[in-house]
Amino acid sequence: MTFDILENGGVGNINVVTSSPKGVFDKEAKKALERWKYLPAKSKDNLARRMNQEVRLDFQLD
């Protein structure tokens, strides 16, 4: 998945790059990533957006 870290530390512009099986967990993966929070990056005295971050989420069924 790719995403941006927003100025407030939230997550936006979420995209599923690949999934297996295709489309099965995409919606739940996006919902999970939307709840993540990061410390915002600072650029000089302003908070900055961090673009094109990547993460891999693995789902396990028990």
N, C-alpha and C. Protein backbone atom coordinates (compact mmCIF):
# COMPACT_ATOMS: atom_id res chain seq x y z
N MET A 1 0.84 -1.15 0.00
CA MET A 1 0.00 0.00 0.00
C MET A 1 0.89 1.23 0.00
N THR A 2 0.40 2.27 -0.64
CA THR A 2 1.08 3.56 -0.58
C THR A 2 0.12 4.56 0.05
N PHE A 3 0.69 5.58 0.69
CA PHE A 3 -0.13 6.58 1.37
C PHE A 3 0.72 7.82 1.64
N ASP A 4 0.03 8.89 2.00
CA ASP A 4 0.69 10.13 2.41
C ASP A 4 0.44 10.34 3.90
N ILE A 5 1.43 10.89 4.58
CA ILE A 5 1.25 11.32 5.96
C ILE A 5 0.95 12.81 5.91
N LEU A 6 -0.21 13.18 6.42
CA LEU A 6 -0.68 14.56 6.33
C LEU A 6 -0.02 15.44 7.38
N GLU A 7 -0.19 16.73 7.24
CA GLU A 7 0.41 17.70 8.15
C GLU A 7 -0.01 17.48 9.61
N ASN A 8 -1.21 16.95 9.82
CA ASN A 8 -1.70 16.71 11.18
C ASN A 8 -1.34 15.32 11.72
N GLY A 9 -0.57 14.54 10.94
CA GLY A 9 -0.16 13.21 11.36
C GLY A 9 -1.11 12.11 10.92
N GLY A 10 -2.25 12.49 10.32
CA GLY A 10 -3.19 11.51 9.80
C GLY A 10 -2.69 10.93 8.48
N VAL A 11 -3.45 10.02 7.93
CA VAL A 11 -3.07 9.33 6.70
C VAL A 11 -4.08 9.64 5.60
N GLY A 12 -3.60 9.87 4.38
CA GLY A 12 -4.48 10.14 3.25
C GLY A 12 -3.90 9.56 1.97
N ASN A 13 -4.65 9.69 0.89
CA ASN A 13 -4.23 9.23 -0.43
C ASN A 13 -3.79 7.76 -0.39
N ILE A 14 -4.61 6.92 0.21
CA ILE A 14 -4.28 5.50 0.39
C ILE A 14 -4.58 4.74 -0.91
N ASN A 15 -3.61 3.95 -1.34
CA ASN A 15 -3.76 3.13 -2.54
C ASN A 15 -3.26 1.72 -2.28
N VAL A 16 -4.02 0.73 -2.72
CA VAL A 16 -3.56 -0.65 -2.67
C VAL A 16 -2.76 -0.90 -3.94
N VAL A 17 -1.50 -1.25 -3.78
CA VAL A 17 -0.63 -1.48 -4.93
C VAL A 17 -0.83 -2.89 -5.46
N THR A 18 -0.75 -3.87 -4.59
CA THR A 18 -1.03 -5.26 -4.95
C THR A 18 -1.72 -5.93 -3.79
N SER A 19 -2.50 -6.94 -4.09
CA SER A 19 -3.14 -7.72 -3.03
C SER A 19 -3.33 -9.15 -3.50
N SER A 20 -3.35 -10.05 -2.51
CA SER A 20 -3.52 -11.46 -2.83
C SER A 20 -4.28 -12.11 -1.68
N PRO A 21 -5.42 -12.68 -1.96
CA PRO A 21 -6.15 -12.70 -3.22
C PRO A 21 -6.69 -11.30 -3.56
N LYS A 22 -6.67 -11.00 -4.81
CA LYS A 22 -6.99 -9.66 -5.29
C LYS A 22 -8.38 -9.21 -4.84
N GLY A 23 -8.41 -8.03 -4.18
CA GLY A 23 -9.67 -7.40 -3.79
C GLY A 23 -10.33 -7.92 -2.53
N VAL A 24 -9.83 -9.00 -1.95
CA VAL A 24 -10.52 -9.61 -0.81
C VAL A 24 -10.36 -8.78 0.46
N PHE A 25 -9.15 -8.30 0.74
CA PHE A 25 -8.90 -7.56 1.98
C PHE A 25 -8.65 -6.07 1.74
N ASP A 26 -8.80 -5.59 0.53
CA ASP A 26 -8.46 -4.20 0.20
C ASP A 26 -9.23 -3.21 1.06
N LYS A 27 -10.52 -3.38 1.18
CA LYS A 27 -11.35 -2.43 1.93
C LYS A 27 -10.95 -2.40 3.40
N GLU A 28 -10.73 -3.55 4.00
CA GLU A 28 -10.35 -3.62 5.41
C GLU A 28 -8.94 -3.08 5.64
N ALA A 29 -8.05 -3.30 4.69
CA ALA A 29 -6.70 -2.77 4.80
C ALA A 29 -6.72 -1.24 4.78
N LYS A 30 -7.52 -0.67 3.89
CA LYS A 30 -7.65 0.79 3.83
C LYS A 30 -8.24 1.33 5.12
N LYS A 31 -9.28 0.67 5.65
CA LYS A 31 -9.89 1.12 6.89
C LYS A 31 -8.89 1.09 8.04
N ALA A 32 -8.07 0.07 8.09
CA ALA A 32 -7.06 -0.03 9.15
C ALA A 32 -6.04 1.10 9.02
N LEU A 33 -5.54 1.32 7.82
CA LEU A 33 -4.52 2.34 7.60
C LEU A 33 -5.06 3.75 7.87
N GLU A 34 -6.33 3.99 7.62
CA GLU A 34 -6.94 5.29 7.88
C GLU A 34 -6.89 5.66 9.37
N ARG A 35 -6.80 4.67 10.25
CA ARG A 35 -6.78 4.93 11.70
C ARG A 35 -5.37 5.18 12.22
N TRP A 36 -4.34 4.95 11.42
CA TRP A 36 -2.96 5.15 11.88
C TRP A 36 -2.67 6.63 12.05
N LYS A 37 -1.81 6.94 13.01
CA LYS A 37 -1.37 8.31 13.27
C LYS A 37 0.15 8.33 13.35
N TYR A 38 0.73 9.37 12.80
CA TYR A 38 2.18 9.56 12.80
C TYR A 38 2.51 10.92 13.39
N LEU A 39 3.74 11.07 13.85
CA LEU A 39 4.21 12.40 14.22
C LEU A 39 4.48 13.14 12.92
N PRO A 40 3.90 14.32 12.73
CA PRO A 40 4.12 15.04 11.49
C PRO A 40 5.58 15.48 11.35
N ALA A 41 6.06 15.53 10.12
CA ALA A 41 7.42 15.99 9.84
C ALA A 41 7.44 17.51 9.84
N LYS A 42 8.55 18.08 10.23
CA LYS A 42 8.69 19.53 10.21
C LYS A 42 9.64 19.93 9.08
N SER A 43 9.24 20.94 8.36
CA SER A 43 10.07 21.55 7.33
C SER A 43 10.27 22.99 7.73
N LYS A 44 11.44 23.30 8.24
CA LYS A 44 11.73 24.61 8.85
C LYS A 44 10.78 24.80 10.02
N ASP A 45 9.90 25.78 9.98
CA ASP A 45 8.97 26.00 11.09
C ASP A 45 7.57 25.49 10.80
N ASN A 46 7.37 24.85 9.65
CA ASN A 46 6.05 24.38 9.27
C ASN A 46 5.98 22.85 9.30
N LEU A 47 4.78 22.35 9.51
CA LEU A 47 4.57 20.90 9.41
C LEU A 47 4.48 20.53 7.94
N ALA A 48 5.06 19.41 7.57
CA ALA A 48 5.12 19.03 6.17
C ALA A 48 4.44 17.69 5.93
N ARG A 49 3.86 17.57 4.76
CA ARG A 49 3.26 16.32 4.32
C ARG A 49 4.38 15.42 3.81
N ARG A 50 4.30 14.13 4.14
CA ARG A 50 5.26 13.16 3.62
C ARG A 50 4.52 12.30 2.60
N MET A 51 4.98 12.35 1.38
CA MET A 51 4.28 11.71 0.27
C MET A 51 4.86 10.32 -0.02
N ASN A 52 4.00 9.47 -0.61
CA ASN A 52 4.40 8.18 -1.16
C ASN A 52 5.12 7.26 -0.17
N GLN A 53 4.56 7.16 1.03
CA GLN A 53 5.07 6.20 2.00
C GLN A 53 4.55 4.82 1.61
N GLU A 54 5.24 3.78 2.03
CA GLU A 54 4.82 2.42 1.68
C GLU A 54 4.74 1.56 2.93
N VAL A 55 3.76 0.66 2.93
CA VAL A 55 3.62 -0.30 4.02
C VAL A 55 2.99 -1.57 3.46
N ARG A 56 3.32 -2.68 4.09
CA ARG A 56 2.72 -3.95 3.71
C ARG A 56 1.90 -4.44 4.91
N LEU A 57 0.65 -4.78 4.67
CA LEU A 57 -0.21 -5.34 5.70
C LEU A 57 -0.46 -6.80 5.37
N ASP A 58 -0.28 -7.66 6.35
CA ASP A 58 -0.55 -9.09 6.18
C ASP A 58 -1.72 -9.46 7.07
N PHE A 59 -2.72 -10.11 6.52
CA PHE A 59 -3.86 -10.59 7.28
C PHE A 59 -3.69 -12.08 7.49
N GLN A 60 -4.02 -12.53 8.70
CA GLN A 60 -3.93 -13.95 9.02
C GLN A 60 -5.26 -14.42 9.57
N LEU A 61 -5.79 -15.46 9.00
CA LEU A 61 -7.03 -16.04 9.47
C LEU A 61 -6.70 -17.25 10.34
N ASP A 62 -7.29 -17.28 11.51
CA ASP A 62 -7.03 -18.42 12.43
C ASP A 62 -8.14 -19.42 12.36
